[in-house]
Amino acid sequence: MLAEGAELVCSINRISYPPWAVDGGLEGSCNHIVVLRNEKPICDGGRAFNMRLLKGDIVSIRSGGGGGWGSPLERDPKLVQLDVKNRYISLELASEVYGVVLDPVALEINWTATEELRRMREARR
């Protein structure tokens, strides 16, 4: 906050149970709110609250995402590559969730490593 005296009134749902997925997809993420004062959380989560904010407080509200449809391992690697280039997901998520291995500098798909990683992940399911 840039000045004293603001009030934060919040009512937030879906903080404990993530949205479900279908056909092999992954669950979505929950909604989350945190208030930081002097870089320490003074309020982390909670369904509803009302609090006075002080100058310097930081309010972070993260809106949850919906559940997935279909296995992330079946997503077109070129679309995953585009998501990394557009900074929607990180290199780590591309590999961990979608099984797509990208060169960290050129962001080109390593097709051999991607096929091998996806084959290993599919075998574990």
N, C-alpha and C. Protein backbone atom coordinates (compact mmCIF):
# COMPACT_ATOMS: atom_id res chain seq x y z
N MET A 1 0.84 -1.17 0.00
CA MET A 1 0.00 0.00 0.00
C MET A 1 0.89 1.24 0.00
N LEU A 2 0.41 2.25 -0.68
CA LEU A 2 1.17 3.49 -0.76
C LEU A 2 0.80 4.48 0.34
N ALA A 3 -0.35 4.25 1.00
CA ALA A 3 -0.79 5.17 2.04
C ALA A 3 -1.50 4.38 3.14
N GLU A 4 -1.71 5.02 4.28
CA GLU A 4 -2.40 4.39 5.41
C GLU A 4 -3.91 4.38 5.21
N GLY A 5 -4.57 3.46 5.87
CA GLY A 5 -6.01 3.53 6.01
C GLY A 5 -6.85 2.68 5.07
N ALA A 6 -6.27 1.96 4.17
CA ALA A 6 -7.07 1.11 3.28
C ALA A 6 -7.59 -0.10 4.05
N GLU A 7 -8.77 -0.55 3.67
CA GLU A 7 -9.36 -1.76 4.25
C GLU A 7 -9.40 -2.84 3.19
N LEU A 8 -9.04 -4.03 3.56
CA LEU A 8 -9.15 -5.18 2.66
C LEU A 8 -10.29 -6.04 3.15
N VAL A 9 -11.30 -6.15 2.32
CA VAL A 9 -12.44 -7.02 2.61
C VAL A 9 -12.41 -8.12 1.58
N CYS A 10 -12.36 -9.35 2.04
CA CYS A 10 -12.16 -10.45 1.12
C CYS A 10 -13.07 -11.62 1.44
N SER A 11 -13.64 -12.17 0.41
CA SER A 11 -14.38 -13.43 0.51
C SER A 11 -13.91 -14.28 -0.66
N ILE A 12 -13.28 -15.40 -0.36
CA ILE A 12 -12.68 -16.21 -1.40
C ILE A 12 -13.06 -17.68 -1.18
N ASN A 13 -13.42 -18.33 -2.25
CA ASN A 13 -13.79 -19.75 -2.18
C ASN A 13 -12.75 -20.58 -2.90
N ARG A 14 -12.94 -21.89 -2.84
CA ARG A 14 -12.03 -22.84 -3.50
C ARG A 14 -10.59 -22.64 -3.04
N ILE A 15 -10.40 -22.57 -1.71
CA ILE A 15 -9.05 -22.40 -1.17
C ILE A 15 -8.44 -23.73 -0.74
N SER A 16 -9.26 -24.76 -0.61
CA SER A 16 -8.75 -26.04 -0.12
C SER A 16 -8.89 -27.17 -1.12
N TYR A 17 -9.87 -27.10 -1.98
CA TYR A 17 -10.14 -28.20 -2.91
C TYR A 17 -9.98 -27.71 -4.34
N PRO A 18 -8.95 -28.19 -5.03
CA PRO A 18 -8.71 -27.70 -6.40
C PRO A 18 -9.77 -28.18 -7.37
N PRO A 19 -9.99 -27.43 -8.44
CA PRO A 19 -10.93 -27.86 -9.48
C PRO A 19 -10.47 -29.21 -10.06
N TRP A 20 -11.43 -30.07 -10.31
CA TRP A 20 -11.12 -31.40 -10.81
C TRP A 20 -10.75 -31.37 -12.28
N ALA A 21 -10.18 -32.48 -12.72
CA ALA A 21 -9.77 -32.64 -14.11
C ALA A 21 -10.55 -33.79 -14.73
N VAL A 22 -10.48 -33.90 -16.05
CA VAL A 22 -11.16 -35.00 -16.74
C VAL A 22 -10.20 -35.67 -17.71
N ASP A 23 -10.50 -36.92 -18.00
CA ASP A 23 -9.81 -37.68 -19.04
C ASP A 23 -8.29 -37.66 -18.90
N GLY A 24 -7.79 -37.86 -17.66
CA GLY A 24 -6.36 -37.95 -17.43
C GLY A 24 -5.64 -36.63 -17.23
N GLY A 25 -6.38 -35.52 -17.15
CA GLY A 25 -5.75 -34.22 -16.93
C GLY A 25 -5.31 -34.05 -15.48
N LEU A 26 -4.68 -32.94 -15.18
CA LEU A 26 -4.24 -32.63 -13.83
C LEU A 26 -5.22 -31.67 -13.17
N GLU A 27 -5.33 -31.76 -11.84
CA GLU A 27 -6.18 -30.84 -11.10
C GLU A 27 -5.74 -29.40 -11.33
N GLY A 28 -6.68 -28.48 -11.18
CA GLY A 28 -6.35 -27.07 -11.26
C GLY A 28 -5.74 -26.60 -9.95
N SER A 29 -5.56 -25.31 -9.82
CA SER A 29 -4.99 -24.74 -8.59
C SER A 29 -6.06 -24.00 -7.81
N CYS A 30 -5.85 -23.93 -6.51
CA CYS A 30 -6.81 -23.24 -5.63
C CYS A 30 -6.58 -21.74 -5.65
N ASN A 31 -7.61 -21.00 -5.26
CA ASN A 31 -7.47 -19.56 -5.06
C ASN A 31 -6.64 -19.34 -3.80
N HIS A 32 -5.92 -18.23 -3.77
CA HIS A 32 -5.04 -17.98 -2.61
C HIS A 32 -4.85 -16.48 -2.43
N ILE A 33 -4.85 -16.06 -1.18
CA ILE A 33 -4.56 -14.66 -0.87
C ILE A 33 -3.58 -14.62 0.30
N VAL A 34 -2.64 -13.70 0.22
CA VAL A 34 -1.68 -13.50 1.31
C VAL A 34 -1.42 -12.01 1.45
N VAL A 35 -1.28 -11.56 2.69
CA VAL A 35 -0.92 -10.17 2.98
C VAL A 35 0.44 -10.21 3.65
N LEU A 36 1.39 -9.48 3.07
CA LEU A 36 2.75 -9.40 3.61
C LEU A 36 2.95 -8.05 4.28
N ARG A 37 3.50 -8.10 5.47
CA ARG A 37 3.88 -6.87 6.18
C ARG A 37 5.33 -7.04 6.59
N ASN A 38 6.17 -6.11 6.17
CA ASN A 38 7.62 -6.23 6.41
C ASN A 38 8.15 -7.56 5.89
N GLU A 39 7.64 -7.96 4.72
CA GLU A 39 8.06 -9.16 4.01
C GLU A 39 7.70 -10.47 4.72
N LYS A 40 6.82 -10.39 5.73
CA LYS A 40 6.38 -11.59 6.43
C LYS A 40 4.86 -11.71 6.29
N PRO A 41 4.34 -12.94 6.07
CA PRO A 41 2.90 -13.09 5.94
C PRO A 41 2.19 -12.83 7.27
N ILE A 42 1.21 -11.93 7.25
CA ILE A 42 0.39 -11.71 8.44
C ILE A 42 -0.98 -12.32 8.25
N CYS A 43 -1.31 -12.62 7.01
CA CYS A 43 -2.56 -13.30 6.70
C CYS A 43 -2.27 -14.18 5.49
N ASP A 44 -2.44 -15.47 5.64
CA ASP A 44 -2.13 -16.40 4.56
C ASP A 44 -3.33 -17.32 4.38
N GLY A 45 -4.12 -17.04 3.37
CA GLY A 45 -5.30 -17.85 3.11
C GLY A 45 -6.49 -17.36 3.93
N GLY A 46 -7.43 -18.23 4.13
CA GLY A 46 -8.64 -17.87 4.85
C GLY A 46 -9.78 -17.62 3.88
N ARG A 47 -10.96 -18.02 4.27
CA ARG A 47 -12.12 -17.91 3.39
C ARG A 47 -12.66 -16.48 3.33
N ALA A 48 -12.72 -15.81 4.47
CA ALA A 48 -13.26 -14.43 4.48
C ALA A 48 -12.60 -13.66 5.61
N PHE A 49 -12.28 -12.43 5.35
CA PHE A 49 -11.72 -11.59 6.40
C PHE A 49 -11.82 -10.13 6.01
N ASN A 50 -11.62 -9.29 7.03
CA ASN A 50 -11.64 -7.84 6.86
C ASN A 50 -10.48 -7.32 7.70
N MET A 51 -9.57 -6.61 7.06
CA MET A 51 -8.43 -6.11 7.82
C MET A 51 -7.97 -4.75 7.31
N ARG A 52 -7.42 -3.98 8.22
CA ARG A 52 -6.87 -2.67 7.89
C ARG A 52 -5.44 -2.87 7.39
N LEU A 53 -5.11 -2.22 6.28
CA LEU A 53 -3.78 -2.32 5.71
C LEU A 53 -2.95 -1.11 6.10
N LEU A 54 -1.66 -1.33 6.23
CA LEU A 54 -0.73 -0.26 6.57
C LEU A 54 0.13 0.07 5.36
N LYS A 55 0.71 1.25 5.38
CA LYS A 55 1.62 1.65 4.32
C LYS A 55 2.74 0.61 4.22
N GLY A 56 3.01 0.15 3.00
CA GLY A 56 4.05 -0.85 2.77
C GLY A 56 3.54 -2.28 2.71
N ASP A 57 2.28 -2.53 3.13
CA ASP A 57 1.74 -3.89 3.02
C ASP A 57 1.63 -4.29 1.56
N ILE A 58 1.79 -5.56 1.32
CA ILE A 58 1.65 -6.11 -0.03
C ILE A 58 0.53 -7.15 0.01
N VAL A 59 -0.41 -7.01 -0.91
CA VAL A 59 -1.52 -7.96 -1.03
C VAL A 59 -1.33 -8.75 -2.32
N SER A 60 -1.29 -10.06 -2.18
CA SER A 60 -1.16 -10.93 -3.35
C SER A 60 -2.39 -11.82 -3.43
N ILE A 61 -3.12 -11.70 -4.54
CA ILE A 61 -4.30 -12.53 -4.77
C ILE A 61 -4.04 -13.35 -6.01
N ARG A 62 -4.05 -14.67 -5.84
CA ARG A 62 -3.84 -15.57 -6.97
C ARG A 62 -5.14 -16.29 -7.26
N SER A 63 -5.63 -16.08 -8.43
CA SER A 63 -6.85 -16.74 -8.87
C SER A 63 -6.49 -18.13 -9.37
N GLY A 64 -7.17 -19.13 -8.87
CA GLY A 64 -6.89 -20.51 -9.25
C GLY A 64 -7.20 -20.77 -10.72
N GLY A 65 -6.61 -21.83 -11.21
CA GLY A 65 -6.84 -22.23 -12.60
C GLY A 65 -7.71 -23.48 -12.66
N GLY A 66 -8.39 -23.66 -13.75
CA GLY A 66 -9.26 -24.81 -13.93
C GLY A 66 -8.48 -26.10 -14.13
N GLY A 67 -9.17 -27.19 -13.93
CA GLY A 67 -8.56 -28.50 -14.13
C GLY A 67 -8.32 -28.77 -15.61
N GLY A 68 -7.39 -29.67 -15.86
CA GLY A 68 -7.02 -29.98 -17.24
C GLY A 68 -7.91 -31.03 -17.87
N TRP A 69 -7.82 -31.10 -19.17
CA TRP A 69 -8.56 -32.10 -19.94
C TRP A 69 -7.55 -32.87 -20.78
N GLY A 70 -7.42 -34.14 -20.50
CA GLY A 70 -6.48 -34.98 -21.22
C GLY A 70 -5.09 -34.93 -20.61
N SER A 71 -4.33 -35.96 -20.88
CA SER A 71 -2.98 -36.05 -20.32
C SER A 71 -2.09 -34.94 -20.87
N PRO A 72 -1.36 -34.25 -19.97
CA PRO A 72 -0.44 -33.22 -20.44
C PRO A 72 0.69 -33.82 -21.30
N LEU A 73 0.94 -35.12 -21.16
CA LEU A 73 1.98 -35.77 -21.96
C LEU A 73 1.57 -35.92 -23.43
N GLU A 74 0.29 -35.69 -23.73
CA GLU A 74 -0.19 -35.79 -25.11
C GLU A 74 -0.28 -34.42 -25.78
N ARG A 75 0.08 -33.37 -25.06
CA ARG A 75 0.02 -32.03 -25.66
C ARG A 75 1.12 -31.88 -26.69
N ASP A 76 0.80 -31.22 -27.78
CA ASP A 76 1.75 -30.98 -28.87
C ASP A 76 2.98 -30.25 -28.32
N PRO A 77 4.17 -30.84 -28.45
CA PRO A 77 5.38 -30.19 -27.93
C PRO A 77 5.60 -28.78 -28.49
N LYS A 78 5.16 -28.51 -29.70
CA LYS A 78 5.32 -27.17 -30.28
C LYS A 78 4.47 -26.14 -29.52
N LEU A 79 3.31 -26.57 -29.03
CA LEU A 79 2.47 -25.66 -28.23
C LEU A 79 3.09 -25.41 -26.86
N VAL A 80 3.71 -26.45 -26.28
CA VAL A 80 4.41 -26.28 -25.01
C VAL A 80 5.60 -25.33 -25.21
N GLN A 81 6.32 -25.50 -26.29
CA GLN A 81 7.44 -24.62 -26.62
C GLN A 81 6.96 -23.17 -26.72
N LEU A 82 5.84 -22.96 -27.37
CA LEU A 82 5.28 -21.61 -27.51
C LEU A 82 4.90 -21.03 -26.14
N ASP A 83 4.35 -21.88 -25.26
CA ASP A 83 4.01 -21.41 -23.91
C ASP A 83 5.26 -20.96 -23.14
N VAL A 84 6.36 -21.67 -23.32
CA VAL A 84 7.62 -21.27 -22.67
C VAL A 84 8.11 -19.95 -23.26
N LYS A 85 8.09 -19.85 -24.58
CA LYS A 85 8.54 -18.61 -25.23
C LYS A 85 7.71 -17.41 -24.80
N ASN A 86 6.41 -17.63 -24.58
CA ASN A 86 5.52 -16.55 -24.15
C ASN A 86 5.50 -16.36 -22.64
N ARG A 87 6.32 -17.14 -21.93
CA ARG A 87 6.47 -17.07 -20.48
C ARG A 87 5.19 -17.43 -19.72
N TYR A 88 4.37 -18.28 -20.32
CA TYR A 88 3.20 -18.80 -19.60
C TYR A 88 3.62 -19.89 -18.62
N ILE A 89 4.65 -20.66 -19.00
CA ILE A 89 5.20 -21.71 -18.14
C ILE A 89 6.71 -21.64 -18.21
N SER A 90 7.35 -22.25 -17.22
CA SER A 90 8.82 -22.27 -17.17
C SER A 90 9.37 -23.49 -17.91
N LEU A 91 10.67 -23.46 -18.14
CA LEU A 91 11.35 -24.63 -18.71
C LEU A 91 11.13 -25.86 -17.83
N GLU A 92 11.18 -25.64 -16.52
CA GLU A 92 11.01 -26.75 -15.58
C GLU A 92 9.62 -27.36 -15.71
N LEU A 93 8.58 -26.54 -15.80
CA LEU A 93 7.22 -27.07 -15.95
C LEU A 93 7.04 -27.77 -17.29
N ALA A 94 7.67 -27.25 -18.32
CA ALA A 94 7.58 -27.89 -19.64
C ALA A 94 8.06 -29.34 -19.53
N SER A 95 9.14 -29.53 -18.80
CA SER A 95 9.71 -30.86 -18.63
C SER A 95 8.91 -31.70 -17.62
N GLU A 96 8.65 -31.12 -16.43
CA GLU A 96 8.01 -31.88 -15.34
C GLU A 96 6.56 -32.24 -15.64
N VAL A 97 5.81 -31.33 -16.22
CA VAL A 97 4.37 -31.56 -16.44
C VAL A 97 4.09 -32.12 -17.83
N TYR A 98 4.70 -31.53 -18.84
CA TYR A 98 4.37 -31.89 -20.22
C TYR A 98 5.36 -32.86 -20.86
N GLY A 99 6.48 -33.12 -20.18
CA GLY A 99 7.46 -34.04 -20.73
C GLY A 99 8.14 -33.52 -21.99
N VAL A 100 8.31 -32.21 -22.08
CA VAL A 100 8.95 -31.59 -23.24
C VAL A 100 10.29 -31.01 -22.81
N VAL A 101 11.35 -31.45 -23.47
CA VAL A 101 12.71 -31.00 -23.15
C VAL A 101 13.12 -29.94 -24.16
N LEU A 102 13.45 -28.75 -23.64
CA LEU A 102 13.84 -27.62 -24.49
C LEU A 102 15.27 -27.21 -24.16
N ASP A 103 15.99 -26.77 -25.18
CA ASP A 103 17.30 -26.19 -24.97
C ASP A 103 17.10 -24.91 -24.16
N PRO A 104 17.80 -24.72 -23.03
CA PRO A 104 17.55 -23.57 -22.17
C PRO A 104 17.89 -22.22 -22.79
N VAL A 105 18.71 -22.18 -23.82
CA VAL A 105 19.07 -20.90 -24.45
C VAL A 105 18.24 -20.66 -25.70
N ALA A 106 18.27 -21.59 -26.64
CA ALA A 106 17.58 -21.41 -27.92
C ALA A 106 16.09 -21.75 -27.83
N LEU A 107 15.69 -22.45 -26.78
CA LEU A 107 14.31 -22.90 -26.59
C LEU A 107 13.82 -23.80 -27.73
N GLU A 108 14.75 -24.51 -28.34
CA GLU A 108 14.39 -25.48 -29.37
C GLU A 108 14.06 -26.81 -28.71
N ILE A 109 13.15 -27.56 -29.31
CA ILE A 109 12.73 -28.85 -28.76
C ILE A 109 13.80 -29.90 -29.03
N ASN A 110 14.17 -30.62 -27.98
CA ASN A 110 15.04 -31.77 -28.12
C ASN A 110 14.09 -32.96 -28.29
N TRP A 111 13.85 -33.33 -29.54
CA TRP A 111 12.83 -34.34 -29.86
C TRP A 111 13.17 -35.71 -29.28
N THR A 112 14.44 -36.09 -29.32
CA THR A 112 14.84 -37.40 -28.80
C THR A 112 14.62 -37.46 -27.29
N ALA A 113 15.09 -36.45 -26.58
CA ALA A 113 14.93 -36.42 -25.12
C ALA A 113 13.45 -36.31 -24.73
N THR A 114 12.67 -35.57 -25.51
CA THR A 114 11.24 -35.43 -25.23
C THR A 114 10.53 -36.77 -25.38
N GLU A 115 10.79 -37.47 -26.46
CA GLU A 115 10.16 -38.79 -26.67
C GLU A 115 10.55 -39.77 -25.56
N GLU A 116 11.81 -39.75 -25.17
CA GLU A 116 12.28 -40.64 -24.11
C GLU A 116 11.63 -40.31 -22.77
N LEU A 117 11.58 -39.02 -22.42
CA LEU A 117 10.97 -38.60 -21.16
C LEU A 117 9.49 -38.95 -21.13
N ARG A 118 8.79 -38.69 -22.21
CA ARG A 118 7.36 -39.01 -22.27
C ARG A 118 7.13 -40.52 -22.18
N ARG A 119 7.98 -41.29 -22.79
CA ARG A 119 7.85 -42.75 -22.73
C ARG A 119 8.03 -43.23 -21.27
N MET A 120 9.03 -42.68 -20.58
CA MET A 120 9.26 -43.04 -19.18
C MET A 120 8.09 -42.64 -18.29
N ARG A 121 7.57 -41.43 -18.49
CA ARG A 121 6.44 -40.96 -17.68
C ARG A 121 5.19 -41.80 -17.93
N GLU A 122 4.95 -42.13 -19.18
CA GLU A 122 3.77 -42.93 -19.54
C GLU A 122 3.86 -44.32 -18.91
N ALA A 123 5.06 -44.87 -18.85
CA ALA A 123 5.26 -46.20 -18.25
C ALA A 123 4.94 -46.19 -16.75
N ARG A 124 5.12 -45.05 -16.09
CA ARG A 124 4.85 -44.93 -14.65
C ARG A 124 3.37 -44.78 -14.33
N ARG A 125 2.58 -44.39 -15.31
CA ARG A 125 1.14 -44.14 -15.05
C ARG A 125 0.35 -45.39 -14.91
